[in-house]
Amino acid sequence: MAVEDEPMTEGRMLTLCASAAAKVARSGIRGATGVTMEEIVALTCLAACAGLIHAEGHVAQETKTILNIKEGQGA
């Protein structure tokens, strides 16, 4: 299974977001060029889960998966 095919879990989303943030924190704007597409999707999912944006398409599906996991866990 390719990494892109793995379901987006809350933990995976946060790990990818932290990785993207670390790249930018370490190298400034230049670090943004090293952020992967998967990390961008995770950042977008985080923003959608936080209610900051309305997600559509693939990101919306990933966000629903994450939010359903959290509801199922009683969070």
PDB file of N, CA and C in Angstrom:
ATOM      1  N   MET A   1       0.844  -1.174   0.000  1.00  0.00           N
ATOM      2  CA  MET A   1       0.000   0.000   0.000  1.00  0.00           C
ATOM      3  C   MET A   1       0.893   1.242   0.000  1.00  0.00           C
ATOM      4  N   ALA A   2       0.658   2.122  -0.945  1.00  0.00           N
ATOM      5  CA  ALA A   2       1.428   3.366  -1.019  1.00  0.00           C
ATOM      6  C   ALA A   2       1.034   4.277   0.132  1.00  0.00           C
ATOM      7  N   VAL A   3       1.953   5.144   0.532  1.00  0.00           N
ATOM      8  CA  VAL A   3       1.695   6.056   1.641  1.00  0.00           C
ATOM      9  C   VAL A   3       0.462   6.905   1.358  1.00  0.00           C
ATOM     10  N   GLU A   4       0.297   7.353   0.099  1.00  0.00           N
ATOM     11  CA  GLU A   4      -0.847   8.183  -0.258  1.00  0.00           C
ATOM     12  C   GLU A   4      -2.167   7.438  -0.109  1.00  0.00           C
ATOM     13  N   ASP A   5      -2.124   6.099  -0.175  1.00  0.00           N
ATOM     14  CA  ASP A   5      -3.329   5.292  -0.074  1.00  0.00           C
ATOM     15  C   ASP A   5      -3.715   4.974   1.365  1.00  0.00           C
ATOM     16  N   GLU A   6      -2.826   5.263   2.307  1.00  0.00           N
ATOM     17  CA  GLU A   6      -3.129   4.996   3.708  1.00  0.00           C
ATOM     18  C   GLU A   6      -4.209   5.960   4.174  1.00  0.00           C
ATOM     19  N   PRO A   7      -5.128   5.478   5.013  1.00  0.00           N
ATOM     20  CA  PRO A   7      -6.155   6.388   5.515  1.00  0.00           C
ATOM     21  C   PRO A   7      -5.533   7.472   6.398  1.00  0.00           C
ATOM     22  N   MET A   8      -6.111   8.656   6.332  1.00  0.00           N
ATOM     23  CA  MET A   8      -5.614   9.767   7.140  1.00  0.00           C
ATOM     24  C   MET A   8      -6.221   9.637   8.531  1.00  0.00           C
ATOM     25  N   THR A   9      -5.392   9.322   9.494  1.00  0.00           N
ATOM     26  CA  THR A   9      -5.853   9.270  10.878  1.00  0.00           C
ATOM     27  C   THR A   9      -5.459  10.578  11.556  1.00  0.00           C
ATOM     28  N   GLU A  10      -6.003  10.820  12.712  1.00  0.00           N
ATOM     29  CA  GLU A  10      -5.664  12.040  13.436  1.00  0.00           C
ATOM     30  C   GLU A  10      -4.168  12.093  13.740  1.00  0.00           C
ATOM     31  N   GLY A  11      -3.614  10.978  14.196  1.00  0.00           N
ATOM     32  CA  GLY A  11      -2.195  10.933  14.517  1.00  0.00           C
ATOM     33  C   GLY A  11      -1.313  11.165  13.307  1.00  0.00           C
ATOM     34  N   ARG A  12      -1.681  10.548  12.186  1.00  0.00           N
ATOM     35  CA  ARG A  12      -0.916  10.728  10.954  1.00  0.00           C
ATOM     36  C   ARG A  12      -1.012  12.169  10.471  1.00  0.00           C
ATOM     37  N   MET A  13      -2.200  12.747  10.555  1.00  0.00           N
ATOM     38  CA  MET A  13      -2.398  14.132  10.157  1.00  0.00           C
ATOM     39  C   MET A  13      -1.497  15.053  10.982  1.00  0.00           C
ATOM     40  N   LEU A  14      -1.488  14.865  12.290  1.00  0.00           N
ATOM     41  CA  LEU A  14      -0.690  15.725  13.157  1.00  0.00           C
ATOM     42  C   LEU A  14       0.806  15.533  12.930  1.00  0.00           C
ATOM     43  N   THR A  15       1.222  14.296  12.669  1.00  0.00           N
ATOM     44  CA  THR A  15       2.635  14.023  12.383  1.00  0.00           C
ATOM     45  C   THR A  15       3.073  14.724  11.102  1.00  0.00           C
ATOM     46  N   LEU A  16       2.243  14.625  10.063  1.00  0.00           N
ATOM     47  CA  LEU A  16       2.572  15.277   8.798  1.00  0.00           C
ATOM     48  C   LEU A  16       2.574  16.798   8.942  1.00  0.00           C
ATOM     49  N   CYS A  17       1.627  17.335   9.705  1.00  0.00           N
ATOM     50  CA  CYS A  17       1.580  18.782   9.943  1.00  0.00           C
ATOM     51  C   CYS A  17       2.834  19.249  10.681  1.00  0.00           C
ATOM     52  N   ALA A  18       3.241  18.491  11.679  1.00  0.00           N
ATOM     53  CA  ALA A  18       4.448  18.843  12.433  1.00  0.00           C
ATOM     54  C   ALA A  18       5.680  18.800  11.543  1.00  0.00           C
ATOM     55  N   SER A  19       5.738  17.834  10.641  1.00  0.00           N
ATOM     56  CA  SER A  19       6.863  17.725   9.720  1.00  0.00           C
ATOM     57  C   SER A  19       6.927  18.949   8.809  1.00  0.00           C
ATOM     58  N   ALA A  20       5.784  19.355   8.276  1.00  0.00           N
ATOM     59  CA  ALA A  20       5.741  20.533   7.406  1.00  0.00           C
ATOM     60  C   ALA A  20       6.144  21.788   8.180  1.00  0.00           C
ATOM     61  N   ALA A  21       5.611  21.934   9.375  1.00  0.00           N
ATOM     62  CA  ALA A  21       5.928  23.109  10.192  1.00  0.00           C
ATOM     63  C   ALA A  21       7.408  23.153  10.541  1.00  0.00           C
ATOM     64  N   ALA A  22       7.998  21.999  10.822  1.00  0.00           N
ATOM     65  CA  ALA A  22       9.423  21.949  11.164  1.00  0.00           C
ATOM     66  C   ALA A  22      10.286  22.383   9.986  1.00  0.00           C
ATOM     67  N   LYS A  23       9.897  21.992   8.781  1.00  0.00           N
ATOM     68  CA  LYS A  23      10.657  22.386   7.594  1.00  0.00           C
ATOM     69  C   LYS A  23      10.667  23.906   7.439  1.00  0.00           C
ATOM     70  N   VAL A  24       9.509  24.522   7.633  1.00  0.00           N
ATOM     71  CA  VAL A  24       9.416  25.975   7.496  1.00  0.00           C
ATOM     72  C   VAL A  24      10.102  26.667   8.665  1.00  0.00           C
ATOM     73  N   ALA A  25       9.946  26.131   9.872  1.00  0.00           N
ATOM     74  CA  ALA A  25      10.581  26.738  11.043  1.00  0.00           C
ATOM     75  C   ALA A  25      12.105  26.682  10.936  1.00  0.00           C
ATOM     76  N   ARG A  26      12.600  25.594  10.387  1.00  0.00           N
ATOM     77  CA  ARG A  26      14.047  25.402  10.275  1.00  0.00           C
ATOM     78  C   ARG A  26      14.657  26.258   9.158  1.00  0.00           C
ATOM     79  N   SER A  27      13.949  26.365   8.036  1.00  0.00           N
ATOM     80  CA  SER A  27      14.547  27.018   6.865  1.00  0.00           C
ATOM     81  C   SER A  27      13.792  28.242   6.378  1.00  0.00           C
ATOM     82  N   GLY A  28      12.796  28.674   7.112  1.00  0.00           N
ATOM     83  CA  GLY A  28      12.020  29.837   6.689  1.00  0.00           C
ATOM     84  C   GLY A  28      11.232  29.558   5.418  1.00  0.00           C
ATOM     85  N   ILE A  29      11.015  30.585   4.633  1.00  0.00           N
ATOM     86  CA  ILE A  29      10.226  30.443   3.410  1.00  0.00           C
ATOM     87  C   ILE A  29      10.838  29.422   2.457  1.00  0.00           C
ATOM     88  N   ARG A  30      12.139  29.284   2.503  1.00  0.00           N
ATOM     89  CA  ARG A  30      12.820  28.297   1.669  1.00  0.00           C
ATOM     90  C   ARG A  30      12.393  26.875   2.044  1.00  0.00           C
ATOM     91  N   GLY A  31      12.085  26.666   3.315  1.00  0.00           N
ATOM     92  CA  GLY A  31      11.646  25.349   3.768  1.00  0.00           C
ATOM     93  C   GLY A  31      10.314  24.927   3.178  1.00  0.00           C
ATOM     94  N   ALA A  32       9.515  25.900   2.762  1.00  0.00           N
ATOM     95  CA  ALA A  32       8.212  25.580   2.171  1.00  0.00           C
ATOM     96  C   ALA A  32       8.361  24.779   0.881  1.00  0.00           C
ATOM     97  N   THR A  33       9.478  24.931   0.199  1.00  0.00           N
ATOM     98  CA  THR A  33       9.678  24.177  -1.039  1.00  0.00           C
ATOM     99  C   THR A  33       9.883  22.690  -0.765  1.00  0.00           C
ATOM    100  N   GLY A  34      10.229  22.337   0.466  1.00  0.00           N
ATOM    101  CA  GLY A  34      10.425  20.938   0.822  1.00  0.00           C
ATOM    102  C   GLY A  34       9.184  20.258   1.375  1.00  0.00           C
ATOM    103  N   VAL A  35       8.101  21.013   1.523  1.00  0.00           N
ATOM    104  CA  VAL A  35       6.861  20.445   2.044  1.00  0.00           C
ATOM    105  C   VAL A  35       6.236  19.560   0.966  1.00  0.00           C
ATOM    106  N   THR A  36       5.885  18.337   1.342  1.00  0.00           N
ATOM    107  CA  THR A  36       5.324  17.390   0.375  1.00  0.00           C
ATOM    108  C   THR A  36       3.834  17.639   0.163  1.00  0.00           C
ATOM    109  N   MET A  37       3.317  17.078  -0.911  1.00  0.00           N
ATOM    110  CA  MET A  37       1.888  17.197  -1.202  1.00  0.00           C
ATOM    111  C   MET A  37       1.069  16.553  -0.081  1.00  0.00           C
ATOM    112  N   GLU A  38       1.557  15.449   0.434  1.00  0.00           N
ATOM    113  CA  GLU A  38       0.861  14.757   1.524  1.00  0.00           C
ATOM    114  C   GLU A  38       0.798  15.642   2.773  1.00  0.00           C
ATOM    115  N   GLU A  39       1.879  16.372   3.040  1.00  0.00           N
ATOM    116  CA  GLU A  39       1.893  17.289   4.181  1.00  0.00           C
ATOM    117  C   GLU A  39       0.926  18.452   3.964  1.00  0.00           C
ATOM    118  N   ILE A  40       0.817  18.912   2.721  1.00  0.00           N
ATOM    119  CA  ILE A  40      -0.133  19.979   2.406  1.00  0.00           C
ATOM    120  C   ILE A  40      -1.559  19.497   2.609  1.00  0.00           C
ATOM    121  N   VAL A  41      -1.853  18.267   2.191  1.00  0.00           N
ATOM    122  CA  VAL A  41      -3.186  17.698   2.419  1.00  0.00           C
ATOM    123  C   VAL A  41      -3.464  17.616   3.915  1.00  0.00           C
ATOM    124  N   ALA A  42      -2.475  17.190   4.700  1.00  0.00           N
ATOM    125  CA  ALA A  42      -2.649  17.088   6.151  1.00  0.00           C
ATOM    126  C   ALA A  42      -2.911  18.460   6.769  1.00  0.00           C
ATOM    127  N   LEU A  43      -2.171  19.476   6.333  1.00  0.00           N
ATOM    128  CA  LEU A  43      -2.393  20.835   6.840  1.00  0.00           C
ATOM    129  C   LEU A  43      -3.798  21.319   6.498  1.00  0.00           C
ATOM    130  N   THR A  44      -4.255  20.998   5.295  1.00  0.00           N
ATOM    131  CA  THR A  44      -5.595  21.391   4.881  1.00  0.00           C
ATOM    132  C   THR A  44      -6.648  20.644   5.684  1.00  0.00           C
ATOM    133  N   CYS A  45      -6.413  19.365   5.947  1.00  0.00           N
ATOM    134  CA  CYS A  45      -7.328  18.586   6.790  1.00  0.00           C
ATOM    135  C   CYS A  45      -7.406  19.177   8.196  1.00  0.00           C
ATOM    136  N   LEU A  46      -6.257  19.560   8.736  1.00  0.00           N
ATOM    137  CA  LEU A  46      -6.242  20.154  10.065  1.00  0.00           C
ATOM    138  C   LEU A  46      -7.068  21.440  10.092  1.00  0.00           C
ATOM    139  N   ALA A  47      -6.894  22.273   9.083  1.00  0.00           N
ATOM    140  CA  ALA A  47      -7.668  23.515   9.008  1.00  0.00           C
ATOM    141  C   ALA A  47      -9.160  23.221   8.896  1.00  0.00           C
ATOM    142  N   ALA A  48      -9.517  22.196   8.121  1.00  0.00           N
ATOM    143  CA  ALA A  48     -10.925  21.830   7.970  1.00  0.00           C
ATOM    144  C   ALA A  48     -11.481  21.250   9.271  1.00  0.00           C
ATOM    145  N   CYS A  49     -10.706  20.409   9.939  1.00  0.00           N
ATOM    146  CA  CYS A  49     -11.151  19.828  11.214  1.00  0.00           C
ATOM    147  C   CYS A  49     -11.356  20.912  12.275  1.00  0.00           C
ATOM    148  N   ALA A  50     -10.540  21.955  12.194  1.00  0.00           N
ATOM    149  CA  ALA A  50     -10.645  23.058  13.151  1.00  0.00           C
ATOM    150  C   ALA A  50     -11.753  24.034  12.778  1.00  0.00           C
ATOM    151  N   GLY A  51     -12.386  23.813  11.623  1.00  0.00           N
ATOM    152  CA  GLY A  51     -13.471  24.683  11.190  1.00  0.00           C
ATOM    153  C   GLY A  51     -12.994  25.980  10.554  1.00  0.00           C
ATOM    154  N   LEU A  52     -11.728  26.047  10.200  1.00  0.00           N
ATOM    155  CA  LEU A  52     -11.183  27.269   9.603  1.00  0.00           C
ATOM    156  C   LEU A  52     -11.513  27.407   8.128  1.00  0.00           C
ATOM    157  N   ILE A  53     -11.707  26.274   7.444  1.00  0.00           N
ATOM    158  CA  ILE A  53     -12.034  26.297   6.025  1.00  0.00           C
ATOM    159  C   ILE A  53     -13.104  25.251   5.740  1.00  0.00           C
ATOM    160  N   HIS A  54     -13.743  25.382   4.591  1.00  0.00           N
ATOM    161  CA  HIS A  54     -14.672  24.363   4.108  1.00  0.00           C
ATOM    162  C   HIS A  54     -13.930  23.548   3.058  1.00  0.00           C
ATOM    163  N   ALA A  55     -13.724  22.285   3.320  1.00  0.00           N
ATOM    164  CA  ALA A  55     -12.959  21.424   2.416  1.00  0.00           C
ATOM    165  C   ALA A  55     -13.887  20.758   1.406  1.00  0.00           C
ATOM    166  N   GLU A  56     -13.333  20.465   0.241  1.00  0.00           N
ATOM    167  CA  GLU A  56     -14.062  19.757  -0.807  1.00  0.00           C
ATOM    168  C   GLU A  56     -13.200  18.634  -1.350  1.00  0.00           C
ATOM    169  N   GLY A  57     -13.823  17.713  -2.060  1.00  0.00           N
ATOM    170  CA  GLY A  57     -13.099  16.637  -2.729  1.00  0.00           C
ATOM    171  C   GLY A  57     -12.365  15.711  -1.783  1.00  0.00           C
ATOM    172  N   HIS A  58     -11.135  15.374  -2.155  1.00  0.00           N
ATOM    173  CA  HIS A  58     -10.307  14.418  -1.407  1.00  0.00           C
ATOM    174  C   HIS A  58     -10.093  14.871   0.035  1.00  0.00           C
ATOM    175  N   VAL A  59      -9.811  16.144   0.226  1.00  0.00           N
ATOM    176  CA  VAL A  59      -9.561  16.656   1.580  1.00  0.00           C
ATOM    177  C   VAL A  59     -10.821  16.549   2.428  1.00  0.00           C
ATOM    178  N   ALA A  60     -11.982  16.804   1.836  1.00  0.00           N
ATOM    179  CA  ALA A  60     -13.238  16.680   2.585  1.00  0.00           C
ATOM    180  C   ALA A  60     -13.440  15.248   3.061  1.00  0.00           C
ATOM    181  N   GLN A  61     -13.135  14.270   2.212  1.00  0.00           N
ATOM    182  CA  GLN A  61     -13.285  12.862   2.597  1.00  0.00           C
ATOM    183  C   GLN A  61     -12.319  12.499   3.715  1.00  0.00           C
ATOM    184  N   GLU A  62     -11.072  12.948   3.616  1.00  0.00           N
ATOM    185  CA  GLU A  62     -10.090  12.681   4.663  1.00  0.00           C
ATOM    186  C   GLU A  62     -10.529  13.321   5.980  1.00  0.00           C
ATOM    187  N   THR A  63     -11.061  14.536   5.903  1.00  0.00           N
ATOM    188  CA  THR A  63     -11.515  15.246   7.096  1.00  0.00           C
ATOM    189  C   THR A  63     -12.666  14.505   7.753  1.00  0.00           C
ATOM    190  N   LYS A  64     -13.617  14.037   6.959  1.00  0.00           N
ATOM    191  CA  LYS A  64     -14.744  13.273   7.506  1.00  0.00           C
ATOM    192  C   LYS A  64     -14.245  12.016   8.209  1.00  0.00           C
ATOM    193  N   THR A  65     -13.267  11.351   7.617  1.00  0.00           N
ATOM    194  CA  THR A  65     -12.699  10.145   8.227  1.00  0.00           C
ATOM    195  C   THR A  65     -12.106  10.480   9.589  1.00  0.00           C
ATOM    196  N   ILE A  66     -11.329  11.547   9.666  1.00  0.00           N
ATOM    197  CA  ILE A  66     -10.692  11.937  10.928  1.00  0.00           C
ATOM    198  C   ILE A  66     -11.745  12.299  11.962  1.00  0.00           C
ATOM    199  N   LEU A  67     -12.725  13.101  11.581  1.00  0.00           N
ATOM    200  CA  LEU A  67     -13.748  13.527  12.535  1.00  0.00           C
ATOM    201  C   LEU A  67     -14.605  12.358  13.000  1.00  0.00           C
ATOM    202  N   ASN A  68     -14.886  11.400  12.120  1.00  0.00           N
ATOM    203  CA  ASN A  68     -15.652  10.220  12.520  1.00  0.00           C
ATOM    204  C   ASN A  68     -14.864   9.368  13.494  1.00  0.00           C
ATOM    205  N   ILE A  69     -13.564   9.261  13.309  1.00  0.00           N
ATOM    206  CA  ILE A  69     -12.715   8.499  14.226  1.00  0.00           C
ATOM    207  C   ILE A  69     -12.782   9.154  15.600  1.00  0.00           C
ATOM    208  N   LYS A  70     -12.667  10.484  15.650  1.00  0.00           N
ATOM    209  CA  LYS A  70     -12.684  11.189  16.923  1.00  0.00           C
ATOM    210  C   LYS A  70     -14.038  11.002  17.625  1.00  0.00           C
ATOM    211  N   GLU A  71     -15.143  11.096  16.878  1.00  0.00           N
ATOM    212  CA  GLU A  71     -16.472  10.915  17.474  1.00  0.00           C
ATOM    213  C   GLU A  71     -16.634   9.501  18.001  1.00  0.00           C
ATOM    214  N   GLY A  72     -16.123   8.527  17.238  1.00  0.00           N
ATOM    215  CA  GLY A  72     -16.207   7.138  17.659  1.00  0.00           C
ATOM    216  C   GLY A  72     -15.400   6.839  18.902  1.00  0.00           C
ATOM    217  N   GLN A  73     -14.355   7.627  19.139  1.00  0.00           N
ATOM    218  CA  GLN A  73     -13.512   7.439  20.312  1.00  0.00           C
ATOM    219  C   GLN A  73     -14.041   8.221  21.497  1.00  0.00           C
ATOM    220  N   GLY A  74     -15.101   8.983  21.287  1.00  0.00           N
ATOM    221  CA  GLY A  74     -15.664   9.760  22.367  1.00  0.00           C
ATOM    222  C   GLY A  74     -14.947  11.068  22.633  1.00  0.00           C
ATOM    223  N   ALA A  75     -14.123  11.489  21.664  1.00  0.00           N
ATOM    224  CA  ALA A  75     -13.377  12.752  21.828  1.00  0.00           C
ATOM    225  C   ALA A  75     -14.205  13.943  21.429  1.00  0.00           C
TER     226      ALA A  75
END
